[in-house]
Amino acid sequence: LSSGNHSQVSRVPVAIKVLDVNDNAPEFASEHEAFLCENGKPGQVIQIVSAVDKDDPKNGHYFLYSLLPEMVNNPNFTIKKNEGK
């Protein structure tokens, strides 16, 4: 654009709509409260959890569950992936 030739300048109003594709944070599918019995066996399932996300996914939802850093090396608790359920 040359600085002196204003005949080649056009102005057009443009509206831009920003879509927030992550309006909702993931949340547990239901409230959970786990109870442990003192005679529980090693490897026994204590609680099964699942999450939902109200946002519309293009390729489905994927959730990653993990223990808090201070619990990672605790041999009494583990998290196992339950695929296909």
N, C-alpha and C. Protein backbone atom coordinates (compact mmCIF):
# COMPACT_ATOMS: atom_id res chain seq x y z
N LEU A 1 0.86 -1.18 0.00
CA LEU A 1 0.00 0.00 0.00
C LEU A 1 0.90 1.23 0.00
N SER A 2 0.74 2.01 -1.02
CA SER A 2 1.55 3.22 -1.08
C SER A 2 0.97 4.26 -0.12
N SER A 3 1.81 5.09 0.41
CA SER A 3 1.37 6.03 1.43
C SER A 3 0.51 7.16 0.88
N GLY A 4 0.58 7.43 -0.43
CA GLY A 4 -0.18 8.54 -0.97
C GLY A 4 -1.42 8.13 -1.75
N ASN A 5 -1.62 6.85 -2.04
CA ASN A 5 -2.72 6.40 -2.89
C ASN A 5 -3.85 5.83 -2.05
N HIS A 6 -4.80 6.65 -1.64
CA HIS A 6 -5.91 6.22 -0.80
C HIS A 6 -7.05 5.60 -1.60
N SER A 7 -6.97 5.58 -2.91
CA SER A 7 -8.04 5.00 -3.72
C SER A 7 -8.05 3.48 -3.64
N GLN A 8 -6.97 2.88 -3.16
CA GLN A 8 -6.91 1.42 -3.03
C GLN A 8 -7.18 0.95 -1.60
N VAL A 9 -7.68 1.81 -0.77
CA VAL A 9 -7.95 1.47 0.62
C VAL A 9 -9.44 1.21 0.79
N SER A 10 -9.78 0.10 1.45
CA SER A 10 -11.18 -0.22 1.75
C SER A 10 -11.30 -0.48 3.24
N ARG A 11 -12.45 -0.16 3.75
CA ARG A 11 -12.72 -0.46 5.16
C ARG A 11 -13.99 -1.28 5.21
N VAL A 12 -13.92 -2.39 5.94
CA VAL A 12 -15.07 -3.29 6.08
C VAL A 12 -15.19 -3.67 7.54
N PRO A 13 -16.39 -3.51 8.13
CA PRO A 13 -16.55 -3.97 9.52
C PRO A 13 -16.54 -5.50 9.56
N VAL A 14 -15.83 -6.03 10.54
CA VAL A 14 -15.72 -7.48 10.70
C VAL A 14 -16.12 -7.82 12.13
N ALA A 15 -17.00 -8.82 12.25
CA ALA A 15 -17.39 -9.31 13.57
C ALA A 15 -16.67 -10.62 13.82
N ILE A 16 -16.03 -10.73 14.97
CA ILE A 16 -15.31 -11.96 15.32
C ILE A 16 -15.96 -12.53 16.56
N LYS A 17 -16.33 -13.79 16.45
CA LYS A 17 -16.93 -14.48 17.59
C LYS A 17 -15.93 -15.52 18.09
N VAL A 18 -15.51 -15.40 19.32
CA VAL A 18 -14.57 -16.35 19.91
C VAL A 18 -15.38 -17.42 20.64
N LEU A 19 -15.18 -18.66 20.24
CA LEU A 19 -15.89 -19.77 20.86
C LEU A 19 -15.00 -20.42 21.90
N ASP A 20 -15.47 -20.52 23.09
CA ASP A 20 -14.75 -21.21 24.15
C ASP A 20 -15.19 -22.66 24.10
N VAL A 21 -14.31 -23.52 23.63
CA VAL A 21 -14.68 -24.93 23.45
C VAL A 21 -14.60 -25.71 24.76
N ASN A 22 -14.12 -25.09 25.82
CA ASN A 22 -14.03 -25.79 27.09
C ASN A 22 -14.78 -24.99 28.15
N ASP A 23 -16.09 -24.89 27.97
CA ASP A 23 -16.90 -24.14 28.92
C ASP A 23 -17.05 -24.85 30.26
N ASN A 24 -16.98 -26.16 30.24
CA ASN A 24 -17.22 -26.95 31.44
C ASN A 24 -15.98 -27.78 31.78
N ALA A 25 -15.61 -27.75 33.01
CA ALA A 25 -14.50 -28.60 33.46
C ALA A 25 -15.01 -30.03 33.66
N PRO A 26 -14.16 -31.02 33.50
CA PRO A 26 -14.58 -32.40 33.79
C PRO A 26 -14.99 -32.53 35.25
N GLU A 27 -15.91 -33.43 35.51
CA GLU A 27 -16.34 -33.69 36.89
C GLU A 27 -16.65 -35.17 37.03
N PHE A 28 -16.65 -35.64 38.26
CA PHE A 28 -16.99 -37.04 38.49
C PHE A 28 -18.43 -37.30 38.06
N ALA A 29 -18.68 -38.49 37.50
CA ALA A 29 -20.01 -38.84 37.03
C ALA A 29 -21.01 -38.92 38.18
N SER A 30 -20.53 -39.25 39.36
CA SER A 30 -21.39 -39.28 40.54
C SER A 30 -20.53 -39.00 41.77
N GLU A 31 -21.19 -38.70 42.88
CA GLU A 31 -20.45 -38.47 44.13
C GLU A 31 -19.86 -39.81 44.59
N HIS A 32 -18.65 -39.74 45.13
CA HIS A 32 -17.99 -40.95 45.59
C HIS A 32 -17.61 -40.82 47.06
N GLU A 33 -17.84 -41.88 47.77
CA GLU A 33 -17.38 -41.98 49.16
C GLU A 33 -16.98 -43.43 49.37
N ALA A 34 -15.71 -43.66 49.56
CA ALA A 34 -15.21 -45.03 49.69
C ALA A 34 -15.06 -45.42 51.16
N PHE A 35 -15.35 -46.67 51.43
CA PHE A 35 -15.19 -47.21 52.78
C PHE A 35 -14.24 -48.39 52.70
N LEU A 36 -13.31 -48.46 53.62
CA LEU A 36 -12.33 -49.53 53.66
C LEU A 36 -12.57 -50.41 54.87
N CYS A 37 -12.56 -51.70 54.64
CA CYS A 37 -12.67 -52.64 55.75
C CYS A 37 -11.26 -53.03 56.18
N GLU A 38 -11.07 -53.21 57.47
CA GLU A 38 -9.73 -53.55 57.95
C GLU A 38 -9.29 -54.94 57.54
N ASN A 39 -10.22 -55.79 57.08
CA ASN A 39 -9.83 -57.12 56.61
C ASN A 39 -9.81 -57.18 55.09
N GLY A 40 -9.62 -56.04 54.43
CA GLY A 40 -9.51 -56.01 52.97
C GLY A 40 -8.30 -56.79 52.49
N LYS A 41 -8.43 -57.37 51.30
CA LYS A 41 -7.35 -58.18 50.71
C LYS A 41 -6.49 -57.34 49.77
N PRO A 42 -5.19 -57.66 49.65
CA PRO A 42 -4.33 -56.96 48.68
C PRO A 42 -4.90 -57.11 47.27
N GLY A 43 -4.92 -56.03 46.52
CA GLY A 43 -5.45 -56.05 45.16
C GLY A 43 -6.95 -55.88 45.07
N GLN A 44 -7.61 -55.78 46.20
CA GLN A 44 -9.06 -55.63 46.22
C GLN A 44 -9.46 -54.27 45.67
N VAL A 45 -10.48 -54.24 44.79
CA VAL A 45 -10.98 -52.98 44.26
C VAL A 45 -11.76 -52.27 45.35
N ILE A 46 -11.39 -51.04 45.60
CA ILE A 46 -12.06 -50.26 46.65
C ILE A 46 -13.11 -49.35 46.04
N GLN A 47 -12.78 -48.71 44.93
CA GLN A 47 -13.70 -47.75 44.32
C GLN A 47 -13.45 -47.68 42.83
N ILE A 48 -14.50 -47.63 42.04
CA ILE A 48 -14.40 -47.39 40.60
C ILE A 48 -14.98 -45.99 40.36
N VAL A 49 -14.20 -45.14 39.70
CA VAL A 49 -14.64 -43.79 39.43
C VAL A 49 -14.70 -43.55 37.93
N SER A 50 -15.57 -42.65 37.52
CA SER A 50 -15.62 -42.22 36.13
C SER A 50 -15.94 -40.74 36.11
N ALA A 51 -15.59 -40.09 35.01
CA ALA A 51 -15.80 -38.66 34.88
C ALA A 51 -16.59 -38.36 33.62
N VAL A 52 -17.19 -37.19 33.59
CA VAL A 52 -17.92 -36.71 32.43
C VAL A 52 -17.49 -35.27 32.15
N ASP A 53 -17.66 -34.87 30.90
CA ASP A 53 -17.38 -33.49 30.50
C ASP A 53 -18.53 -33.06 29.60
N LYS A 54 -19.21 -31.98 29.97
CA LYS A 54 -20.39 -31.53 29.24
C LYS A 54 -20.05 -30.87 27.91
N ASP A 55 -18.76 -30.59 27.66
CA ASP A 55 -18.37 -30.02 26.38
C ASP A 55 -18.46 -31.08 25.29
N ASP A 56 -18.74 -30.64 24.09
CA ASP A 56 -18.91 -31.55 22.95
C ASP A 56 -17.54 -31.94 22.40
N PRO A 57 -17.11 -33.17 22.58
CA PRO A 57 -15.79 -33.57 22.11
C PRO A 57 -15.80 -33.93 20.62
N LYS A 58 -14.73 -33.61 19.91
CA LYS A 58 -14.62 -34.01 18.51
C LYS A 58 -14.22 -35.48 18.40
N ASN A 59 -13.34 -35.93 19.28
CA ASN A 59 -12.83 -37.30 19.20
C ASN A 59 -13.09 -38.08 20.49
N GLY A 60 -14.11 -37.71 21.22
CA GLY A 60 -14.40 -38.40 22.48
C GLY A 60 -13.56 -37.82 23.60
N HIS A 61 -13.93 -38.16 24.81
CA HIS A 61 -13.22 -37.66 25.98
C HIS A 61 -12.18 -38.67 26.42
N TYR A 62 -11.11 -38.16 26.96
CA TYR A 62 -10.06 -39.00 27.55
C TYR A 62 -9.70 -38.38 28.89
N PHE A 63 -9.79 -39.18 29.93
CA PHE A 63 -9.48 -38.68 31.27
C PHE A 63 -8.29 -39.45 31.82
N LEU A 64 -7.43 -38.76 32.51
CA LEU A 64 -6.26 -39.37 33.13
C LEU A 64 -6.38 -39.20 34.64
N TYR A 65 -6.32 -40.29 35.35
CA TYR A 65 -6.41 -40.26 36.81
C TYR A 65 -5.02 -40.57 37.37
N SER A 66 -4.66 -39.90 38.45
CA SER A 66 -3.37 -40.18 39.08
C SER A 66 -3.47 -39.89 40.57
N LEU A 67 -2.55 -40.51 41.31
CA LEU A 67 -2.45 -40.25 42.74
C LEU A 67 -1.71 -38.95 42.97
N LEU A 68 -1.95 -38.33 44.10
CA LEU A 68 -1.20 -37.15 44.47
C LEU A 68 0.28 -37.52 44.55
N PRO A 69 1.18 -36.58 44.27
CA PRO A 69 2.62 -36.89 44.30
C PRO A 69 3.08 -37.55 45.59
N GLU A 70 2.54 -37.12 46.72
CA GLU A 70 2.97 -37.71 47.99
C GLU A 70 2.45 -39.14 48.18
N MET A 71 1.51 -39.58 47.34
CA MET A 71 0.96 -40.94 47.45
C MET A 71 1.51 -41.90 46.40
N VAL A 72 2.28 -41.39 45.44
CA VAL A 72 2.75 -42.22 44.33
C VAL A 72 3.55 -43.43 44.82
N ASN A 73 4.39 -43.26 45.80
CA ASN A 73 5.23 -44.35 46.29
C ASN A 73 4.61 -45.12 47.45
N ASN A 74 3.36 -44.85 47.76
CA ASN A 74 2.66 -45.58 48.83
C ASN A 74 2.19 -46.92 48.27
N PRO A 75 2.71 -48.04 48.80
CA PRO A 75 2.36 -49.35 48.26
C PRO A 75 0.92 -49.77 48.59
N ASN A 76 0.24 -49.05 49.43
CA ASN A 76 -1.11 -49.44 49.83
C ASN A 76 -2.19 -49.03 48.83
N PHE A 77 -1.89 -48.09 47.93
CA PHE A 77 -2.90 -47.62 46.98
C PHE A 77 -2.33 -47.56 45.58
N THR A 78 -3.09 -48.01 44.62
CA THR A 78 -2.72 -47.93 43.21
C THR A 78 -3.96 -47.55 42.40
N ILE A 79 -3.72 -47.05 41.21
CA ILE A 79 -4.80 -46.77 40.27
C ILE A 79 -4.57 -47.65 39.05
N LYS A 80 -5.63 -48.34 38.64
CA LYS A 80 -5.54 -49.18 37.45
C LYS A 80 -6.53 -48.69 36.41
N LYS A 81 -6.08 -48.67 35.16
CA LYS A 81 -6.94 -48.25 34.07
C LYS A 81 -7.94 -49.36 33.76
N ASN A 82 -9.19 -49.01 33.65
CA ASN A 82 -10.26 -49.96 33.41
C ASN A 82 -10.81 -49.71 32.01
N GLU A 83 -10.12 -50.21 30.99
CA GLU A 83 -10.49 -49.91 29.61
C GLU A 83 -11.75 -50.66 29.19
N GLY A 84 -12.52 -49.99 28.36
CA GLY A 84 -13.68 -50.64 27.77
C GLY A 84 -14.88 -50.75 28.65
N LYS A 85 -14.88 -50.07 29.78
CA LYS A 85 -16.02 -50.16 30.70
C LYS A 85 -16.57 -48.80 30.99
